[in-house]
Amino acid sequence: MTAPISINDIRCAYDKHTVIDNLSFVMNSGDICCLLGPSGCGKTTVLRAIAGFQALLKGEISVQGKLLSSPDHTTPPEKRKVGMVFQDYALFPHLSVCDNITFGLRHSDASQKERTCEEMLALVKLSGLGHRFPHELSGGQQQRVALARALAPEPDLLLLDEPFSSLDVDLRRSLALEVRAILKSRNISAIMVTHDQEEAFAVADRIGVINNGKIQQWDTPFNLYHEPATRFVADFIGQGVFLAGLAVSTHCVATELGEISGNRCYDWPPNSPIEVLLRPDDVIHDNDSQNRAEIVNKIFAGTSTLYTLRLPTGSLIESAFPSHHDYNIGESVGIRIEADHLIAFSKAGA
């Protein structure tokens, strides 16, 4: 089976400033992938290069086995069979919803356009609204129209550039899940760019974490959280605090909370300084534990409360306790560590 997209060792630059360098990944057919990273890391530049809006200084981009971009070849954007959903919807205000959806179907007759419009409206749950204009729709409805317009020409690949960033939080979550269901129902390959981890985890089968123009790790959401390949990924994905320790063995670190071991082996010399990442779900409330910590901050989150805890040495860690019991700042609580996945790195500068 031909991979729908192959990016091989690409480099992009603005003026003389390199934004992307030595970046590669391959997608499986029907996968929804995400490029995730902080602002300015280069993720949108990758999307623009795939769409044909950004030239390559090095490398190749292929879709369905067809070369689209290289330093000496660029297929025009309109001939790539690549759909695009923009952050700001980019709908034509003077056109109806149906005319927006069928805008890219220049070679279809009126009856074909009408059938496609009705099919797309049903797909994005906007049946009966084809006669309206964009300003008569809510933000969520406008984004659905933008999605329908991108899907109408049956692209080989769909690109989504921060598609939910202008919506409120609750709508972003629900629409993200709906978009995933729509794409999966039609077996459409897609790449989304976002800086929102929850969004990426909800939508993507695979995520590429980008920093400084390079992919740090290309993996499943589960592996990014539990098996981060670099310290940047470990720090960027999810919540957590690094706790100092010393290597006991290749899979065990001695810390002030006792020895912490897990499922990963490292090439550490004995007694070398190590930092272990403890996520809030690794730190369990246990009144019978000899390890005690002082509550210095708390954030109520409904089903749980996130506590910031100070250890006797002054180190700070975080833990999510069930919210049935409410502990006060200044109280001492017992804790134990349950870290099945050992996430640890040699101490910086050691």
C-alpha atoms as a PDB file:
ATOM      1  CA  MET A   1       0.000   0.000   0.000  1.00  0.00           C
ATOM      2  CA  THR A   2       1.385   3.392  -0.996  1.00  0.00           C
ATOM      3  CA  ALA A   3       1.844   5.786   1.914  1.00  0.00           C
ATOM      4  CA  PRO A   4      -0.414   8.829   1.349  1.00  0.00           C
ATOM      5  CA  ILE A   5       2.417  11.150   2.290  1.00  0.00           C
ATOM      6  CA  SER A   6       6.165  10.851   2.559  1.00  0.00           C
ATOM      7  CA  ILE A   7       8.312  13.735   3.740  1.00  0.00           C
ATOM      8  CA  ASN A   8      11.992  13.030   3.261  1.00  0.00           C
ATOM      9  CA  ASP A   9      14.707  15.182   4.830  1.00  0.00           C
ATOM     10  CA  ILE A  10      13.164  18.568   3.988  1.00  0.00           C
ATOM     11  CA  ARG A  11      14.610  22.007   4.700  1.00  0.00           C
ATOM     12  CA  CYS A  12      12.705  25.300   4.561  1.00  0.00           C
ATOM     13  CA  ALA A  13      13.859  28.834   5.256  1.00  0.00           C
ATOM     14  CA  TYR A  14      12.552  32.405   5.280  1.00  0.00           C
ATOM     15  CA  ASP A  15      15.165  34.743   3.825  1.00  0.00           C
ATOM     16  CA  LYS A  16      18.343  33.185   5.262  1.00  0.00           C
ATOM     17  CA  HIS A  17      16.764  31.885   8.475  1.00  0.00           C
ATOM     18  CA  THR A  18      16.319  28.083   8.455  1.00  0.00           C
ATOM     19  CA  VAL A  19      12.959  27.141   9.983  1.00  0.00           C
ATOM     20  CA  ILE A  20      12.799  23.409   9.164  1.00  0.00           C
ATOM     21  CA  ASP A  21      15.832  21.144   8.688  1.00  0.00           C
ATOM     22  CA  ASN A  22      16.307  17.386   8.187  1.00  0.00           C
ATOM     23  CA  LEU A  23      12.631  16.718   8.885  1.00  0.00           C
ATOM     24  CA  SER A  24      11.151  13.383   7.768  1.00  0.00           C
ATOM     25  CA  PHE A  25       8.057  11.263   8.408  1.00  0.00           C
ATOM     26  CA  VAL A  26       5.787   8.791   6.616  1.00  0.00           C
ATOM     27  CA  MET A  27       2.024   8.413   7.108  1.00  0.00           C
ATOM     28  CA  ASN A  28      -0.090   5.298   6.720  1.00  0.00           C
ATOM     29  CA  SER A  29      -3.220   5.425   4.591  1.00  0.00           C
ATOM     30  CA  GLY A  30      -6.258   6.602   6.542  1.00  0.00           C
ATOM     31  CA  ASP A  31      -4.215   7.886   9.469  1.00  0.00           C
ATOM     32  CA  ILE A  32      -4.886  11.210  11.152  1.00  0.00           C
ATOM     33  CA  CYS A  33      -1.568  12.713  12.218  1.00  0.00           C
ATOM     34  CA  CYS A  34      -0.700  15.849  14.123  1.00  0.00           C
ATOM     35  CA  LEU A  35       2.273  18.180  14.226  1.00  0.00           C
ATOM     36  CA  LEU A  36       2.474  19.434  17.798  1.00  0.00           C
ATOM     37  CA  GLY A  37       4.824  21.976  19.267  1.00  0.00           C
ATOM     38  CA  PRO A  38       5.255  25.437  20.780  1.00  0.00           C
ATOM     39  CA  SER A  39       4.723  28.617  18.794  1.00  0.00           C
ATOM     40  CA  GLY A  40       7.506  29.275  16.303  1.00  0.00           C
ATOM     41  CA  CYS A  41       8.746  25.665  16.183  1.00  0.00           C
ATOM     42  CA  GLY A  42       8.086  25.334  12.424  1.00  0.00           C
ATOM     43  CA  LYS A  43       4.969  23.144  12.361  1.00  0.00           C
ATOM     44  CA  THR A  44       2.892  25.495  10.183  1.00  0.00           C
ATOM     45  CA  THR A  45       5.820  25.824   7.757  1.00  0.00           C
ATOM     46  CA  VAL A  46       5.688  22.041   7.234  1.00  0.00           C
ATOM     47  CA  LEU A  47       1.971  22.285   6.459  1.00  0.00           C
ATOM     48  CA  ARG A  48       2.575  25.125   3.998  1.00  0.00           C
ATOM     49  CA  ALA A  49       5.292  23.092   2.272  1.00  0.00           C
ATOM     50  CA  ILE A  50       2.922  20.130   1.862  1.00  0.00           C
ATOM     51  CA  ALA A  51       0.218  22.429   0.497  1.00  0.00           C
ATOM     52  CA  GLY A  52       2.651  23.969  -1.996  1.00  0.00           C
ATOM     53  CA  PHE A  53       2.858  27.438  -0.472  1.00  0.00           C
ATOM     54  CA  GLN A  54       6.441  27.056   0.781  1.00  0.00           C
ATOM     55  CA  ALA A  55       9.467  26.110  -1.362  1.00  0.00           C
ATOM     56  CA  LEU A  56      11.948  23.412  -0.359  1.00  0.00           C
ATOM     57  CA  LEU A  57      15.683  24.031  -0.172  1.00  0.00           C
ATOM     58  CA  LYS A  58      16.303  20.330   0.324  1.00  0.00           C
ATOM     59  CA  GLY A  59      14.389  17.027   0.383  1.00  0.00           C
ATOM     60  CA  GLU A  60      11.184  15.748  -1.188  1.00  0.00           C
ATOM     61  CA  ILE A  61       7.450  15.653  -0.499  1.00  0.00           C
ATOM     62  CA  SER A  62       5.345  12.924  -2.137  1.00  0.00           C
ATOM     63  CA  VAL A  63       1.609  12.164  -1.876  1.00  0.00           C
ATOM     64  CA  GLN A  64       0.178   8.852  -3.130  1.00  0.00           C
ATOM     65  CA  GLY A  65       3.558   8.084  -4.678  1.00  0.00           C
ATOM     66  CA  LYS A  66       3.602  11.298  -6.740  1.00  0.00           C
ATOM     67  CA  LEU A  67       6.412  13.806  -6.223  1.00  0.00           C
ATOM     68  CA  LEU A  68       4.911  17.176  -5.301  1.00  0.00           C
ATOM     69  CA  SER A  69       7.916  19.161  -4.085  1.00  0.00           C
ATOM     70  CA  SER A  70      11.689  19.134  -4.327  1.00  0.00           C
ATOM     71  CA  PRO A  71      14.261  21.926  -4.765  1.00  0.00           C
ATOM     72  CA  ASP A  72      13.855  21.771  -8.561  1.00  0.00           C
ATOM     73  CA  HIS A  73      10.198  20.729  -8.843  1.00  0.00           C
ATOM     74  CA  THR A  74       6.984  22.194  -7.418  1.00  0.00           C
ATOM     75  CA  THR A  75       3.484  21.045  -8.334  1.00  0.00           C
ATOM     76  CA  PRO A  76       1.099  24.045  -8.111  1.00  0.00           C
ATOM     77  CA  PRO A  77      -1.154  23.969  -5.014  1.00  0.00           C
ATOM     78  CA  GLU A  78      -4.355  23.671  -7.075  1.00  0.00           C
ATOM     79  CA  LYS A  79      -3.061  20.493  -8.768  1.00  0.00           C
ATOM     80  CA  ARG A  80      -1.966  18.623  -5.627  1.00  0.00           C
ATOM     81  CA  LYS A  81      -5.329  17.081  -4.583  1.00  0.00           C
ATOM     82  CA  VAL A  82      -4.591  18.370  -1.096  1.00  0.00           C
ATOM     83  CA  GLY A  83      -7.426  19.984   0.861  1.00  0.00           C
ATOM     84  CA  MET A  84      -6.844  22.717   3.439  1.00  0.00           C
ATOM     85  CA  VAL A  85      -8.862  23.895   6.436  1.00  0.00           C
ATOM     86  CA  PHE A  86      -7.596  27.232   7.746  1.00  0.00           C
ATOM     87  CA  GLN A  87      -7.587  28.636  11.264  1.00  0.00           C
ATOM     88  CA  ASP A  88      -9.837  31.557  10.319  1.00  0.00           C
ATOM     89  CA  TYR A  89     -12.194  29.441   8.113  1.00  0.00           C
ATOM     90  CA  ALA A  90     -11.418  31.609   5.022  1.00  0.00           C
ATOM     91  CA  LEU A  91     -15.010  31.391   3.764  1.00  0.00           C
ATOM     92  CA  PHE A  92     -16.200  33.737   1.014  1.00  0.00           C
ATOM     93  CA  PRO A  93     -18.642  36.122   2.750  1.00  0.00           C
ATOM     94  CA  HIS A  94     -20.551  36.963  -0.453  1.00  0.00           C
ATOM     95  CA  LEU A  95     -21.235  33.300  -1.300  1.00  0.00           C
ATOM     96  CA  SER A  96     -23.863  31.035   0.220  1.00  0.00           C
ATOM     97  CA  VAL A  97     -22.868  27.969   2.225  1.00  0.00           C
ATOM     98  CA  CYS A  98     -23.520  25.731  -0.798  1.00  0.00           C
ATOM     99  CA  ASP A  99     -21.525  27.976  -3.129  1.00  0.00           C
ATOM    100  CA  ASN A 100     -18.652  27.965  -0.630  1.00  0.00           C
ATOM    101  CA  ILE A 101     -18.714  24.171  -0.398  1.00  0.00           C
ATOM    102  CA  THR A 102     -18.762  23.660  -4.180  1.00  0.00           C
ATOM    103  CA  PHE A 103     -16.316  26.461  -4.990  1.00  0.00           C
ATOM    104  CA  GLY A 104     -13.549  24.019  -5.920  1.00  0.00           C
ATOM    105  CA  LEU A 105     -15.759  21.858  -8.158  1.00  0.00           C
ATOM    106  CA  ARG A 106     -15.212  23.907 -11.310  1.00  0.00           C
ATOM    107  CA  HIS A 107     -15.541  20.944 -13.659  1.00  0.00           C
ATOM    108  CA  SER A 108     -18.825  19.654 -12.199  1.00  0.00           C
ATOM    109  CA  ASP A 109     -22.249  20.539 -13.591  1.00  0.00           C
ATOM    110  CA  ALA A 110     -25.033  22.089 -11.507  1.00  0.00           C
ATOM    111  CA  SER A 111     -26.698  18.794 -10.600  1.00  0.00           C
ATOM    112  CA  GLN A 112     -23.388  17.256  -9.478  1.00  0.00           C
ATOM    113  CA  LYS A 113     -22.622  20.307  -7.369  1.00  0.00           C
ATOM    114  CA  GLU A 114     -26.041  20.112  -5.754  1.00  0.00           C
ATOM    115  CA  ARG A 115     -25.620  16.415  -4.918  1.00  0.00           C
ATOM    116  CA  THR A 116     -22.144  17.020  -3.496  1.00  0.00           C
ATOM    117  CA  CYS A 117     -23.346  19.964  -1.437  1.00  0.00           C
ATOM    118  CA  GLU A 118     -26.208  17.961   0.084  1.00  0.00           C
ATOM    119  CA  GLU A 119     -23.858  15.065   0.855  1.00  0.00           C
ATOM    120  CA  MET A 120     -21.315  17.341   2.513  1.00  0.00           C
ATOM    121  CA  LEU A 121     -23.956  19.210   4.511  1.00  0.00           C
ATOM    122  CA  ALA A 122     -25.301  15.909   5.830  1.00  0.00           C
ATOM    123  CA  LEU A 123     -21.773  14.761   6.639  1.00  0.00           C
ATOM    124  CA  VAL A 124     -21.013  17.840   8.763  1.00  0.00           C
ATOM    125  CA  LYS A 125     -24.527  17.953  10.265  1.00  0.00           C
ATOM    126  CA  LEU A 126     -25.637  21.185   8.575  1.00  0.00           C
ATOM    127  CA  SER A 127     -28.461  19.836   6.397  1.00  0.00           C
ATOM    128  CA  GLY A 128     -30.912  22.565   5.373  1.00  0.00           C
ATOM    129  CA  LEU A 129     -28.459  25.424   5.845  1.00  0.00           C
ATOM    130  CA  GLY A 130     -27.053  25.533   2.314  1.00  0.00           C
ATOM    131  CA  HIS A 131     -28.857  28.774   1.454  1.00  0.00           C
ATOM    132  CA  ARG A 132     -27.421  30.733   4.367  1.00  0.00           C
ATOM    133  CA  PHE A 133     -24.382  32.995   4.287  1.00  0.00           C
ATOM    134  CA  PRO A 134     -21.313  32.648   6.549  1.00  0.00           C
ATOM    135  CA  HIS A 135     -22.237  35.622   8.759  1.00  0.00           C
ATOM    136  CA  GLU A 136     -25.523  33.883   9.608  1.00  0.00           C
ATOM    137  CA  LEU A 137     -23.690  30.910  11.143  1.00  0.00           C
ATOM    138  CA  SER A 138     -21.924  30.371  14.461  1.00  0.00           C
ATOM    139  CA  GLY A 139     -18.167  29.883  14.620  1.00  0.00           C
ATOM    140  CA  GLY A 140     -18.548  26.129  14.963  1.00  0.00           C
ATOM    141  CA  GLN A 141     -20.899  25.996  11.976  1.00  0.00           C
ATOM    142  CA  GLN A 142     -18.511  28.072   9.863  1.00  0.00           C
ATOM    143  CA  GLN A 143     -15.698  25.627  10.661  1.00  0.00           C
ATOM    144  CA  ARG A 144     -17.934  22.748   9.564  1.00  0.00           C
ATOM    145  CA  VAL A 145     -18.544  24.527   6.269  1.00  0.00           C
ATOM    146  CA  ALA A 146     -14.791  25.006   5.841  1.00  0.00           C
ATOM    147  CA  LEU A 147     -14.318  21.264   6.448  1.00  0.00           C
ATOM    148  CA  ALA A 148     -17.067  20.394   3.963  1.00  0.00           C
ATOM    149  CA  ARG A 149     -15.482  22.661   1.335  1.00  0.00           C
ATOM    150  CA  ALA A 150     -12.111  20.973   1.795  1.00  0.00           C
ATOM    151  CA  LEU A 151     -13.641  17.484   1.523  1.00  0.00           C
ATOM    152  CA  ALA A 152     -15.901  18.162  -1.471  1.00  0.00           C
ATOM    153  CA  PRO A 153     -13.191  17.665  -4.165  1.00  0.00           C
ATOM    154  CA  GLU A 154     -12.243  14.301  -2.556  1.00  0.00           C
ATOM    155  CA  PRO A 155      -8.600  15.173  -1.770  1.00  0.00           C
ATOM    156  CA  ASP A 156      -5.853  12.590  -1.312  1.00  0.00           C
ATOM    157  CA  LEU A 157      -4.819  14.402   1.851  1.00  0.00           C
ATOM    158  CA  LEU A 158      -6.460  16.930   4.166  1.00  0.00           C
ATOM    159  CA  LEU A 159      -4.460  19.586   6.025  1.00  0.00           C
ATOM    160  CA  LEU A 160      -5.877  21.374   9.084  1.00  0.00           C
ATOM    161  CA  ASP A 161      -4.070  24.464  10.396  1.00  0.00           C
ATOM    162  CA  GLU A 162      -5.048  25.127  14.047  1.00  0.00           C
ATOM    163  CA  PRO A 163      -8.667  24.433  12.991  1.00  0.00           C
ATOM    164  CA  PHE A 164     -10.303  24.897  16.402  1.00  0.00           C
ATOM    165  CA  SER A 165      -8.196  27.656  17.975  1.00  0.00           C
ATOM    166  CA  SER A 166     -10.792  30.411  17.542  1.00  0.00           C
ATOM    167  CA  LEU A 167     -13.593  28.416  19.218  1.00  0.00           C
ATOM    168  CA  ASP A 168     -14.441  28.244  22.921  1.00  0.00           C
ATOM    169  CA  VAL A 169     -13.028  25.344  24.935  1.00  0.00           C
ATOM    170  CA  ASP A 170     -16.128  23.130  25.114  1.00  0.00           C
ATOM    171  CA  LEU A 171     -16.887  23.535  21.406  1.00  0.00           C
ATOM    172  CA  ARG A 172     -13.262  22.818  20.506  1.00  0.00           C
ATOM    173  CA  ARG A 173     -13.365  19.466  22.284  1.00  0.00           C
ATOM    174  CA  SER A 174     -16.684  18.318  20.851  1.00  0.00           C
ATOM    175  CA  LEU A 175     -15.895  19.489  17.316  1.00  0.00           C
ATOM    176  CA  ALA A 176     -12.456  17.851  17.411  1.00  0.00           C
ATOM    177  CA  LEU A 177     -14.080  14.495  18.172  1.00  0.00           C
ATOM    178  CA  GLU A 178     -16.689  15.033  15.445  1.00  0.00           C
ATOM    179  CA  VAL A 179     -14.030  15.893  12.865  1.00  0.00           C
ATOM    180  CA  ARG A 180     -12.093  12.743  13.759  1.00  0.00           C
ATOM    181  CA  ALA A 181     -15.252  10.639  13.344  1.00  0.00           C
ATOM    182  CA  ILE A 182     -15.988  12.240   9.951  1.00  0.00           C
ATOM    183  CA  LEU A 183     -12.470  11.650   8.639  1.00  0.00           C
ATOM    184  CA  LYS A 184     -12.402   8.060   9.894  1.00  0.00           C
ATOM    185  CA  SER A 185     -15.815   7.314   8.371  1.00  0.00           C
ATOM    186  CA  ARG A 186     -14.450   8.251   4.940  1.00  0.00           C
ATOM    187  CA  ASN A 187     -10.939   6.828   5.489  1.00  0.00           C
ATOM    188  CA  ILE A 188      -9.382  10.231   4.782  1.00  0.00           C
ATOM    189  CA  SER A 189      -5.705  10.815   5.558  1.00  0.00           C
ATOM    190  CA  ALA A 190      -5.155  14.091   7.380  1.00  0.00           C
ATOM    191  CA  ILE A 191      -2.454  16.176   9.057  1.00  0.00           C
ATOM    192  CA  MET A 192      -3.391  18.714  11.733  1.00  0.00           C
ATOM    193  CA  VAL A 193      -1.188  21.417  13.215  1.00  0.00           C
ATOM    194  CA  THR A 194      -1.822  22.515  16.787  1.00  0.00           C
ATOM    195  CA  HIS A 195      -0.108  23.605  20.006  1.00  0.00           C
ATOM    196  CA  ASP A 196      -2.958  22.142  22.093  1.00  0.00           C
ATOM    197  CA  GLN A 197      -2.039  18.718  23.516  1.00  0.00           C
ATOM    198  CA  GLU A 198      -5.609  17.739  24.427  1.00  0.00           C
ATOM    199  CA  GLU A 199      -6.682  18.502  20.862  1.00  0.00           C
ATOM    200  CA  ALA A 200      -3.845  16.446  19.420  1.00  0.00           C
ATOM    201  CA  PHE A 201      -4.535  13.501  21.734  1.00  0.00           C
ATOM    202  CA  ALA A 202      -8.263  13.557  20.914  1.00  0.00           C
ATOM    203  CA  VAL A 203      -7.843  13.624  17.125  1.00  0.00           C
ATOM    204  CA  ALA A 204      -4.547  12.015  16.106  1.00  0.00           C
ATOM    205  CA  ASP A 205      -3.422   8.424  15.579  1.00  0.00           C
ATOM    206  CA  ARG A 206       0.191   9.610  15.446  1.00  0.00           C
ATOM    207  CA  ILE A 207       1.787  12.822  16.652  1.00  0.00           C
ATOM    208  CA  GLY A 208       5.056  14.448  15.664  1.00  0.00           C
ATOM    209  CA  VAL A 209       6.434  16.664  18.433  1.00  0.00           C
ATOM    210  CA  ILE A 210       8.466  19.456  16.826  1.00  0.00           C
ATOM    211  CA  ASN A 211      11.031  21.729  18.425  1.00  0.00           C
ATOM    212  CA  ASN A 212      13.389  24.110  16.635  1.00  0.00           C
ATOM    213  CA  GLY A 213      12.424  22.780  13.227  1.00  0.00           C
ATOM    214  CA  LYS A 214      13.062  19.100  13.989  1.00  0.00           C
ATOM    215  CA  ILE A 215      10.790  16.221  14.931  1.00  0.00           C
ATOM    216  CA  GLN A 216      11.755  15.091  18.431  1.00  0.00           C
ATOM    217  CA  GLN A 217       9.476  12.046  18.350  1.00  0.00           C
ATOM    218  CA  TRP A 218       6.894  10.606  15.916  1.00  0.00           C
ATOM    219  CA  ASP A 219       4.676   8.266  17.907  1.00  0.00           C
ATOM    220  CA  THR A 220       1.265   7.399  19.342  1.00  0.00           C
ATOM    221  CA  PRO A 221      -0.240   9.656  22.030  1.00  0.00           C
ATOM    222  CA  PHE A 222       0.218   6.838  24.593  1.00  0.00           C
ATOM    223  CA  ASN A 223       3.932   6.456  23.852  1.00  0.00           C
ATOM    224  CA  LEU A 224       4.564  10.197  23.826  1.00  0.00           C
ATOM    225  CA  TYR A 225       3.110  10.418  27.334  1.00  0.00           C
ATOM    226  CA  HIS A 226       4.580   7.234  28.836  1.00  0.00           C
ATOM    227  CA  GLU A 227       7.695   6.646  26.690  1.00  0.00           C
ATOM    228  CA  PRO A 228       9.079  10.076  25.682  1.00  0.00           C
ATOM    229  CA  ALA A 229      12.266   9.816  23.613  1.00  0.00           C
ATOM    230  CA  THR A 230      13.832  13.135  24.686  1.00  0.00           C
ATOM    231  CA  ARG A 231      13.760  15.406  27.687  1.00  0.00           C
ATOM    232  CA  PHE A 232      11.976  18.053  25.603  1.00  0.00           C
ATOM    233  CA  VAL A 233       9.115  15.648  24.798  1.00  0.00           C
ATOM    234  CA  ALA A 234       8.929  14.522  28.432  1.00  0.00           C
ATOM    235  CA  ASP A 235       8.755  18.145  29.592  1.00  0.00           C
ATOM    236  CA  PHE A 236       6.387  19.330  26.856  1.00  0.00           C
ATOM    237  CA  ILE A 237       3.807  16.534  26.953  1.00  0.00           C
ATOM    238  CA  GLY A 238       1.485  16.446  29.939  1.00  0.00           C
ATOM    239  CA  GLN A 239       2.251  17.706  33.425  1.00  0.00           C
ATOM    240  CA  GLY A 240       5.056  16.655  35.694  1.00  0.00           C
ATOM    241  CA  VAL A 241       8.071  17.628  37.761  1.00  0.00           C
ATOM    242  CA  PHE A 242      11.645  16.285  37.629  1.00  0.00           C
ATOM    243  CA  LEU A 243      12.946  14.853  40.902  1.00  0.00           C
ATOM    244  CA  ALA A 244      16.694  14.416  41.518  1.00  0.00           C
ATOM    245  CA  GLY A 245      18.149  10.965  42.183  1.00  0.00           C
ATOM    246  CA  LEU A 246      21.084   8.587  41.683  1.00  0.00           C
ATOM    247  CA  ALA A 247      21.229   5.589  39.378  1.00  0.00           C
ATOM    248  CA  VAL A 248      21.022   2.268  41.240  1.00  0.00           C
ATOM    249  CA  SER A 249      20.790   0.089  38.137  1.00  0.00           C
ATOM    250  CA  THR A 250      19.778   0.408  34.484  1.00  0.00           C
ATOM    251  CA  HIS A 251      16.092   0.503  35.478  1.00  0.00           C
ATOM    252  CA  CYS A 252      16.125   1.900  39.023  1.00  0.00           C
ATOM    253  CA  VAL A 253      16.802   5.336  40.558  1.00  0.00           C
ATOM    254  CA  ALA A 254      17.208   6.161  44.256  1.00  0.00           C
ATOM    255  CA  THR A 255      15.341   9.339  45.273  1.00  0.00           C
ATOM    256  CA  GLU A 256      14.238  10.981  48.496  1.00  0.00           C
ATOM    257  CA  LEU A 257      10.925   9.117  48.034  1.00  0.00           C
ATOM    258  CA  GLY A 258      12.704   5.764  47.816  1.00  0.00           C
ATOM    259  CA  GLU A 259      13.824   3.693  44.869  1.00  0.00           C
ATOM    260  CA  ILE A 260      11.780   4.206  41.690  1.00  0.00           C
ATOM    261  CA  SER A 261      11.916   1.537  39.001  1.00  0.00           C
ATOM    262  CA  GLY A 262       9.939   0.885  35.871  1.00  0.00           C
ATOM    263  CA  ASN A 263       9.744  -0.780  32.481  1.00  0.00           C
ATOM    264  CA  ARG A 264      12.621   1.044  30.772  1.00  0.00           C
ATOM    265  CA  CYS A 265      16.343   0.311  30.869  1.00  0.00           C
ATOM    266  CA  TYR A 266      18.987   3.023  30.562  1.00  0.00           C
ATOM    267  CA  ASP A 267      22.729   2.964  30.010  1.00  0.00           C
ATOM    268  CA  TRP A 268      23.662   4.680  33.270  1.00  0.00           C
ATOM    269  CA  PRO A 269      26.905   4.310  35.228  1.00  0.00           C
ATOM    270  CA  PRO A 270      26.156   3.453  38.893  1.00  0.00           C
ATOM    271  CA  ASN A 271      25.590   6.483  41.162  1.00  0.00           C
ATOM    272  CA  SER A 272      25.351   8.885  38.221  1.00  0.00           C
ATOM    273  CA  PRO A 273      23.011  11.865  38.866  1.00  0.00           C
ATOM    274  CA  ILE A 274      19.571  11.276  37.341  1.00  0.00           C
ATOM    275  CA  GLU A 275      16.321  13.238  37.153  1.00  0.00           C
ATOM    276  CA  VAL A 276      13.055  11.280  37.221  1.00  0.00           C
ATOM    277  CA  LEU A 277       9.860  12.738  35.779  1.00  0.00           C
ATOM    278  CA  LEU A 278       6.944  12.266  38.157  1.00  0.00           C
ATOM    279  CA  ARG A 279       3.542  12.975  36.682  1.00  0.00           C
ATOM    280  CA  PRO A 280       0.566  13.794  38.948  1.00  0.00           C
ATOM    281  CA  ASP A 281      -0.891  10.302  38.391  1.00  0.00           C
ATOM    282  CA  ASP A 282       2.393   8.704  39.553  1.00  0.00           C
ATOM    283  CA  VAL A 283       2.059  10.226  43.042  1.00  0.00           C
ATOM    284  CA  ILE A 284      -0.620   8.390  45.039  1.00  0.00           C
ATOM    285  CA  HIS A 285      -2.247   9.579  48.266  1.00  0.00           C
ATOM    286  CA  ASP A 286      -1.507   7.048  51.038  1.00  0.00           C
ATOM    287  CA  ASN A 287      -2.093   7.929  54.696  1.00  0.00           C
ATOM    288  CA  ASP A 288      -0.101   4.861  55.809  1.00  0.00           C
ATOM    289  CA  SER A 289       3.043   5.866  53.902  1.00  0.00           C
ATOM    290  CA  GLN A 290       6.152   7.058  55.726  1.00  0.00           C
ATOM    291  CA  ASN A 291       6.784   9.580  52.948  1.00  0.00           C
ATOM    292  CA  ARG A 292       5.144  12.861  53.922  1.00  0.00           C
ATOM    293  CA  ALA A 293       4.666  16.083  51.989  1.00  0.00           C
ATOM    294  CA  GLU A 294       3.219  19.505  52.745  1.00  0.00           C
ATOM    295  CA  ILE A 295       0.444  20.915  50.563  1.00  0.00           C
ATOM    296  CA  VAL A 296       1.522  24.314  49.247  1.00  0.00           C
ATOM    297  CA  ASN A 297      -1.057  24.838  46.486  1.00  0.00           C
ATOM    298  CA  LYS A 298      -4.262  23.251  45.175  1.00  0.00           C
ATOM    299  CA  ILE A 299      -6.425  23.499  42.062  1.00  0.00           C
ATOM    300  CA  PHE A 300      -9.911  21.949  42.162  1.00  0.00           C
ATOM    301  CA  ALA A 301     -10.790  20.251  38.852  1.00  0.00           C
ATOM    302  CA  GLY A 302     -14.083  18.496  39.596  1.00  0.00           C
ATOM    303  CA  THR A 303     -13.249  14.792  39.632  1.00  0.00           C
ATOM    304  CA  SER A 304      -9.807  15.469  41.092  1.00  0.00           C
ATOM    305  CA  THR A 305      -7.790  18.148  42.857  1.00  0.00           C
ATOM    306  CA  LEU A 306      -4.267  18.939  41.689  1.00  0.00           C
ATOM    307  CA  TYR A 307      -2.029  19.483  44.718  1.00  0.00           C
ATOM    308  CA  THR A 308       1.457  20.958  44.684  1.00  0.00           C
ATOM    309  CA  LEU A 309       3.439  19.187  47.400  1.00  0.00           C
ATOM    310  CA  ARG A 310       6.671  20.207  49.141  1.00  0.00           C
ATOM    311  CA  LEU A 311       8.967  17.359  50.228  1.00  0.00           C
ATOM    312  CA  PRO A 312      11.160  17.639  53.362  1.00  0.00           C
ATOM    313  CA  THR A 313      14.150  18.681  51.204  1.00  0.00           C
ATOM    314  CA  GLY A 314      12.132  21.521  49.678  1.00  0.00           C
ATOM    315  CA  SER A 315      11.584  19.755  46.324  1.00  0.00           C
ATOM    316  CA  LEU A 316       8.163  20.310  44.772  1.00  0.00           C
ATOM    317  CA  ILE A 317       6.057  17.641  43.067  1.00  0.00           C
ATOM    318  CA  GLU A 318       2.430  17.450  41.919  1.00  0.00           C
ATOM    319  CA  SER A 319      -0.311  14.916  42.573  1.00  0.00           C
ATOM    320  CA  ALA A 320      -3.933  14.526  41.500  1.00  0.00           C
ATOM    321  CA  PHE A 321      -5.999  13.242  44.444  1.00  0.00           C
ATOM    322  CA  PRO A 322      -9.656  12.231  44.062  1.00  0.00           C
ATOM    323  CA  SER A 323     -11.729  15.252  45.024  1.00  0.00           C
ATOM    324  CA  HIS A 324     -13.918  13.459  47.595  1.00  0.00           C
ATOM    325  CA  HIS A 325     -11.533  14.617  50.324  1.00  0.00           C
ATOM    326  CA  ASP A 326     -10.528  18.258  50.552  1.00  0.00           C
ATOM    327  CA  TYR A 327      -7.112  18.952  52.066  1.00  0.00           C
ATOM    328  CA  ASN A 328      -5.979  22.398  53.128  1.00  0.00           C
ATOM    329  CA  ILE A 329      -2.816  24.272  52.260  1.00  0.00           C
ATOM    330  CA  GLY A 330      -0.263  23.614  54.990  1.00  0.00           C
ATOM    331  CA  GLU A 331      -1.521  20.107  55.775  1.00  0.00           C
ATOM    332  CA  SER A 332       0.847  17.130  55.757  1.00  0.00           C
ATOM    333  CA  VAL A 333      -0.226  14.112  53.690  1.00  0.00           C
ATOM    334  CA  GLY A 334       1.211  10.653  53.062  1.00  0.00           C
ATOM    335  CA  ILE A 335       2.233   9.726  49.528  1.00  0.00           C
ATOM    336  CA  ARG A 336       3.733   6.795  47.626  1.00  0.00           C
ATOM    337  CA  ILE A 337       5.024   6.432  44.086  1.00  0.00           C
ATOM    338  CA  GLU A 338       3.446   4.176  41.461  1.00  0.00           C
ATOM    339  CA  ALA A 339       5.448   4.899  38.298  1.00  0.00           C
ATOM    340  CA  ASP A 340       5.109   1.860  36.031  1.00  0.00           C
ATOM    341  CA  HIS A 341       6.795   3.809  33.232  1.00  0.00           C
ATOM    342  CA  LEU A 342      10.199   5.063  34.351  1.00  0.00           C
ATOM    343  CA  ILE A 343      10.845   8.389  32.616  1.00  0.00           C
ATOM    344  CA  ALA A 344      14.316   9.596  33.542  1.00  0.00           C
ATOM    345  CA  PHE A 345      17.277  11.433  32.071  1.00  0.00           C
ATOM    346  CA  SER A 346      20.844  12.155  33.088  1.00  0.00           C
ATOM    347  CA  LYS A 347      20.942  15.383  35.079  1.00  0.00           C
ATOM    348  CA  ALA A 348      21.644  18.405  32.909  1.00  0.00           C
ATOM    349  CA  GLY A 349      25.325  19.295  33.013  1.00  0.00           C
ATOM    350  CA  ALA A 350      26.308  16.044  34.713  1.00  0.00           C
END
